[in-house]
PDB file of N, CA and C in Angstrom:
ATOM      1  N   MET A   1       0.677  -1.009   0.065  1.00  0.00           N
ATOM      2  CA  MET A   1       0.236  -0.161  -0.759  1.00  0.00           C
ATOM      3  C   MET A   1       0.693   1.392   0.108  1.00  0.00           C
ATOM      4  N   ARG A   2       0.581   1.824  -0.142  1.00  0.00           N
ATOM      5  CA  ARG A   2       1.169   3.230  -1.282  1.00  0.00           C
ATOM      6  C   ARG A   2       1.037   4.260   0.290  1.00  0.00           C
ATOM      7  N   SER A   3       0.163   4.198   1.694  1.00  0.00           N
ATOM      8  CA  SER A   3      -0.145   5.172   2.352  1.00  0.00           C
ATOM      9  C   SER A   3       0.787   4.145   3.641  1.00  0.00           C
ATOM     10  N   VAL A   4       1.084   3.308   4.094  1.00  0.00           N
ATOM     11  CA  VAL A   4       1.571   2.194   4.850  1.00  0.00           C
ATOM     12  C   VAL A   4       3.150   1.674   4.459  1.00  0.00           C
ATOM     13  N   ILE A   5       3.683   1.611   5.835  1.00  0.00           N
ATOM     14  CA  ILE A   5       4.784  -0.601   5.631  1.00  0.00           C
ATOM     15  C   ILE A   5       5.437   0.040   6.607  1.00  0.00           C
ATOM     16  N   ALA A   6       5.058  -1.781   6.459  1.00  0.00           N
ATOM     17  CA  ALA A   6       4.777  -2.280   7.651  1.00  0.00           C
ATOM     18  C   ALA A   6       6.559  -3.251   7.634  1.00  0.00           C
ATOM     19  N   LEU A   7       6.780  -3.413   9.276  1.00  0.00           N
ATOM     20  CA  LEU A   7       8.598  -3.795   8.940  1.00  0.00           C
ATOM     21  C   LEU A   7       8.680  -4.702   9.645  1.00  0.00           C
ATOM     22  N   HIS A   8       8.686  -6.125   9.749  1.00  0.00           N
ATOM     23  CA  HIS A   8       8.857  -7.764  10.771  1.00  0.00           C
ATOM     24  C   HIS A   8      10.453  -7.617  10.964  1.00  0.00           C
ATOM     25  N   LEU A   9      10.788  -7.090  12.389  1.00  0.00           N
ATOM     26  CA  LEU A   9      12.137  -6.970  12.482  1.00  0.00           C
ATOM     27  C   LEU A   9      12.612  -8.592  12.608  1.00  0.00           C
ATOM     28  N   SER A  10      13.751  -8.190  12.548  1.00  0.00           N
ATOM     29  CA  SER A  10      14.837 -10.140  12.824  1.00  0.00           C
ATOM     30  C   SER A  10      14.721 -10.121  14.617  1.00  0.00           C
ATOM     31  N   ASN A  11      14.202  -9.125  15.235  1.00  0.00           N
ATOM     32  CA  ASN A  11      14.606 -10.238  16.763  1.00  0.00           C
ATOM     33  C   ASN A  11      12.158 -10.413  16.855  1.00  0.00           C
ATOM     34  N   GLY A  12      11.318 -10.161  16.687  1.00  0.00           N
ATOM     35  CA  GLY A  12      10.145 -10.292  16.299  1.00  0.00           C
ATOM     36  C   GLY A  12       9.201  -9.624  16.536  1.00  0.00           C
ATOM     37  N   ILE A  13       9.924  -8.097  16.520  1.00  0.00           N
ATOM     38  CA  ILE A  13       8.787  -6.857  15.950  1.00  0.00           C
ATOM     39  C   ILE A  13       8.432  -5.655  15.438  1.00  0.00           C
ATOM     40  N   MET A  14       6.943  -6.102  15.252  1.00  0.00           N
ATOM     41  CA  MET A  14       6.591  -5.659  13.976  1.00  0.00           C
ATOM     42  C   MET A  14       6.184  -4.444  14.827  1.00  0.00           C
ATOM     43  N   GLN A  15       6.227  -3.289  13.587  1.00  0.00           N
ATOM     44  CA  GLN A  15       6.711  -2.253  14.014  1.00  0.00           C
ATOM     45  C   GLN A  15       5.443  -1.943  12.400  1.00  0.00           C
ATOM     46  N   ILE A  16       4.908  -0.767  12.584  1.00  0.00           N
ATOM     47  CA  ILE A  16       4.138   0.233  11.298  1.00  0.00           C
ATOM     48  C   ILE A  16       3.624   1.552  11.353  1.00  0.00           C
ATOM     49  N   ASN A  17       4.702   1.941   9.958  1.00  0.00           N
ATOM     50  CA  ASN A  17       4.276   3.750  10.146  1.00  0.00           C
ATOM     51  C   ASN A  17       3.635   4.240   8.716  1.00  0.00           C
ATOM     52  N   LEU A  18       2.329   4.865   9.256  1.00  0.00           N
ATOM     53  CA  LEU A  18       1.417   5.239   8.515  1.00  0.00           C
ATOM     54  C   LEU A  18       1.789   6.563   7.675  1.00  0.00           C
ATOM     55  N   PHE A  19       2.000   6.496   6.721  1.00  0.00           N
ATOM     56  CA  PHE A  19       3.088   7.541   6.425  1.00  0.00           C
ATOM     57  C   PHE A  19       2.001   9.203   5.975  1.00  0.00           C
ATOM     58  N   GLU A  20       0.602   8.727   6.300  1.00  0.00           N
ATOM     59  CA  GLU A  20      -0.745   9.969   5.861  1.00  0.00           C
ATOM     60  C   GLU A  20      -0.226  10.762   7.432  1.00  0.00           C
ATOM     61  N   ASP A  21       0.114  10.376   8.365  1.00  0.00           N
ATOM     62  CA  ASP A  21       0.103  11.459   9.618  1.00  0.00           C
ATOM     63  C   ASP A  21       1.361  11.341  10.525  1.00  0.00           C
ATOM     64  N   HIS A  22       2.039  10.182   9.604  1.00  0.00           N
ATOM     65  CA  HIS A  22       3.370   9.379  10.769  1.00  0.00           C
ATOM     66  C   HIS A  22       3.866   9.193  11.603  1.00  0.00           C
ATOM     67  N   THR A  23       2.384   8.592  12.302  1.00  0.00           N
ATOM     68  CA  THR A  23       1.750   7.693  13.427  1.00  0.00           C
ATOM     69  C   THR A  23       3.045   6.468  13.193  1.00  0.00           C
ATOM     70  N   LYS A  24       3.184   5.866  14.082  1.00  0.00           N
ATOM     71  CA  LYS A  24       3.878   4.712  14.570  1.00  0.00           C
ATOM     72  C   LYS A  24       3.647   3.729  15.239  1.00  0.00           C
ATOM     73  N   VAL A  25       3.156   2.196  14.540  1.00  0.00           N
ATOM     74  CA  VAL A  25       2.161   1.135  15.928  1.00  0.00           C
ATOM     75  C   VAL A  25       3.678   0.826  15.674  1.00  0.00           C
ATOM     76  N   ILE A  26       3.429  -0.031  16.832  1.00  0.00           N
ATOM     77  CA  ILE A  26       5.175  -1.084  17.249  1.00  0.00           C
ATOM     78  C   ILE A  26       4.725  -2.738  18.454  1.00  0.00           C
ATOM     79  N   LEU A  27       4.466  -3.048  17.760  1.00  0.00           N
ATOM     80  CA  LEU A  27       3.482  -3.894  18.425  1.00  0.00           C
ATOM     81  C   LEU A  27       5.345  -5.427  19.379  1.00  0.00           C
ATOM     82  N   CYS A  28       5.595  -5.476  20.088  1.00  0.00           N
ATOM     83  CA  CYS A  28       6.148  -6.321  20.474  1.00  0.00           C
ATOM     84  C   CYS A  28       5.701  -7.341  21.615  1.00  0.00           C
ATOM     85  N   HIS A  29       5.758  -8.882  21.094  1.00  0.00           N
ATOM     86  CA  HIS A  29       6.236  -9.502  22.204  1.00  0.00           C
ATOM     87  C   HIS A  29       6.624  -9.902  23.135  1.00  0.00           C
ATOM     88  N   LEU A  30       8.252 -10.174  23.132  1.00  0.00           N
ATOM     89  CA  LEU A  30       9.080  -9.899  24.226  1.00  0.00           C
ATOM     90  C   LEU A  30       8.601  -9.443  25.780  1.00  0.00           C
ATOM     91  N   ILE A  31       7.764  -8.375  24.561  1.00  0.00           N
ATOM     92  CA  ILE A  31       7.036  -8.179  26.493  1.00  0.00           C
ATOM     93  C   ILE A  31       5.934  -7.303  26.468  1.00  0.00           C
ATOM     94  N   GLY A  32       5.027  -8.063  25.523  1.00  0.00           N
ATOM     95  CA  GLY A  32       3.972  -8.414  25.375  1.00  0.00           C
ATOM     96  C   GLY A  32       2.701  -6.807  25.417  1.00  0.00           C
ATOM     97  N   ALA A  33       3.620  -5.716  24.503  1.00  0.00           N
ATOM     98  CA  ALA A  33       3.133  -4.222  24.381  1.00  0.00           C
ATOM     99  C   ALA A  33       2.703  -4.490  23.458  1.00  0.00           C
ATOM    100  N   ALA A  34       2.745  -3.572  22.380  1.00  0.00           N
ATOM    101  CA  ALA A  34       2.029  -2.429  21.698  1.00  0.00           C
ATOM    102  C   ALA A  34       2.667  -0.719  22.286  1.00  0.00           C
ATOM    103  N   ALA A  35       2.719  -0.145  20.704  1.00  0.00           N
ATOM    104  CA  ALA A  35       3.257   1.156  21.381  1.00  0.00           C
ATOM    105  C   ALA A  35       2.872   1.834  20.225  1.00  0.00           C
ATOM    106  N   CYS A  36       2.268   3.273  20.412  1.00  0.00           N
ATOM    107  CA  CYS A  36       2.085   3.797  19.295  1.00  0.00           C
ATOM    108  C   CYS A  36       2.660   5.375  19.794  1.00  0.00           C
ATOM    109  N   ILE A  37       3.617   5.767  18.726  1.00  0.00           N
ATOM    110  CA  ILE A  37       3.800   6.762  18.449  1.00  0.00           C
ATOM    111  C   ILE A  37       3.714   8.024  17.277  1.00  0.00           C
ATOM    112  N   TYR A  38       3.056   9.228  17.929  1.00  0.00           N
ATOM    113  CA  TYR A  38       2.496  10.000  17.175  1.00  0.00           C
ATOM    114  C   TYR A  38       3.285  11.165  16.711  1.00  0.00           C
ATOM    115  N   ARG A  39       2.411  12.369  14.978  1.00  0.00           N
ATOM    116  CA  ARG A  39       3.569  13.337  15.287  1.00  0.00           C
ATOM    117  C   ARG A  39       3.859  14.330  15.495  1.00  0.00           C
ATOM    118  N   GLU A  40       3.500  14.655  17.063  1.00  0.00           N
ATOM    119  CA  GLU A  40       4.204  15.572  17.706  1.00  0.00           C
ATOM    120  C   GLU A  40       4.763  14.969  18.820  1.00  0.00           C
ATOM    121  N   ARG A  41       5.002  13.319  18.289  1.00  0.00           N
ATOM    122  CA  ARG A  41       5.845  13.049  19.174  1.00  0.00           C
ATOM    123  C   ARG A  41       5.696  12.378  20.792  1.00  0.00           C
ATOM    124  N   SER A  42       4.313  12.695  20.948  1.00  0.00           N
ATOM    125  CA  SER A  42       4.067  11.582  22.098  1.00  0.00           C
ATOM    126  C   SER A  42       3.266  10.561  21.828  1.00  0.00           C
ATOM    127  N   PHE A  43       3.690   9.796  22.479  1.00  0.00           N
ATOM    128  CA  PHE A  43       3.411   8.115  22.595  1.00  0.00           C
ATOM    129  C   PHE A  43       2.675   7.779  24.250  1.00  0.00           C
ATOM    130  N   ILE A  44       2.166   6.133  23.456  1.00  0.00           N
ATOM    131  CA  ILE A  44       2.244   5.724  24.760  1.00  0.00           C
ATOM    132  C   ILE A  44       1.458   4.272  24.554  1.00  0.00           C
ATOM    133  N   THR A  45       1.953   3.489  25.514  1.00  0.00           N
ATOM    134  CA  THR A  45       2.050   2.657  25.572  1.00  0.00           C
ATOM    135  C   THR A  45       1.143   0.998  26.129  1.00  0.00           C
ATOM    136  N   TYR A  46       0.024   0.213  25.642  1.00  0.00           N
ATOM    137  CA  TYR A  46      -0.831  -0.409  25.887  1.00  0.00           C
ATOM    138  C   TYR A  46      -0.277  -1.811  26.023  1.00  0.00           C
ATOM    139  N   LYS A  47       0.207  -2.423  27.592  1.00  0.00           N
ATOM    140  CA  LYS A  47      -0.459  -3.910  27.450  1.00  0.00           C
ATOM    141  C   LYS A  47      -1.626  -5.004  26.578  1.00  0.00           C
ATOM    142  N   LEU A  48      -0.604  -5.945  26.185  1.00  0.00           N
ATOM    143  CA  LEU A  48      -1.536  -6.549  24.261  1.00  0.00           C
ATOM    144  C   LEU A  48      -2.489  -6.600  25.750  1.00  0.00           C
ATOM    145  N   SER A  49      -2.013  -7.806  26.528  1.00  0.00           N
ATOM    146  CA  SER A  49      -3.427  -8.131  27.782  1.00  0.00           C
ATOM    147  C   SER A  49      -4.909  -7.526  27.699  1.00  0.00           C
ATOM    148  N   VAL A  50      -4.342  -6.195  28.478  1.00  0.00           N
ATOM    149  CA  VAL A  50      -5.184  -5.135  29.143  1.00  0.00           C
ATOM    150  C   VAL A  50      -5.598  -4.492  26.937  1.00  0.00           C
ATOM    151  N   ILE A  51      -5.584  -5.046  26.377  1.00  0.00           N
ATOM    152  CA  ILE A  51      -5.788  -4.232  24.777  1.00  0.00           C
ATOM    153  C   ILE A  51      -6.980  -5.151  24.860  1.00  0.00           C
ATOM    154  N   GLU A  52      -6.886  -6.541  24.152  1.00  0.00           N
ATOM    155  CA  GLU A  52      -7.861  -7.536  24.420  1.00  0.00           C
ATOM    156  C   GLU A  52      -8.044  -7.505  25.226  1.00  0.00           C
ATOM    157  N   THR A  53      -9.069  -7.554  26.976  1.00  0.00           N
ATOM    158  CA  THR A  53      -9.938  -7.040  27.539  1.00  0.00           C
ATOM    159  C   THR A  53     -10.224  -6.477  27.098  1.00  0.00           C
ATOM    160  N   TYR A  54     -10.658  -4.833  27.385  1.00  0.00           N
ATOM    161  CA  TYR A  54     -10.729  -3.576  27.432  1.00  0.00           C
ATOM    162  C   TYR A  54     -10.642  -2.874  26.289  1.00  0.00           C
ATOM    163  N   GLY A  55     -10.243  -3.671  25.225  1.00  0.00           N
ATOM    164  CA  GLY A  55     -10.185  -2.861  23.737  1.00  0.00           C
ATOM    165  C   GLY A  55      -9.481  -1.632  24.715  1.00  0.00           C
ATOM    166  N   CYS A  56      -9.065  -0.544  23.334  1.00  0.00           N
ATOM    167  CA  CYS A  56      -7.874   0.851  22.716  1.00  0.00           C
ATOM    168  C   CYS A  56      -8.895   1.747  22.413  1.00  0.00           C
ATOM    169  N   CYS A  57      -8.635   3.386  22.148  1.00  0.00           N
ATOM    170  CA  CYS A  57      -9.326   4.053  21.830  1.00  0.00           C
ATOM    171  C   CYS A  57      -8.903   4.302  20.010  1.00  0.00           C
TER     172      CYS A  57
END
């Protein structure tokens, strides 16, 4: 796709870069977490178990 690139790193981490707004989503199975990095360089990290139970906005 022209609006996104997905990278599967050698350590098993998945990084998804969205070109439109420069948001990055990083999924790490090693620590069981997902992180979102936004255009203004703010970020939030969620435990995957919490996302599974409650979802996220």
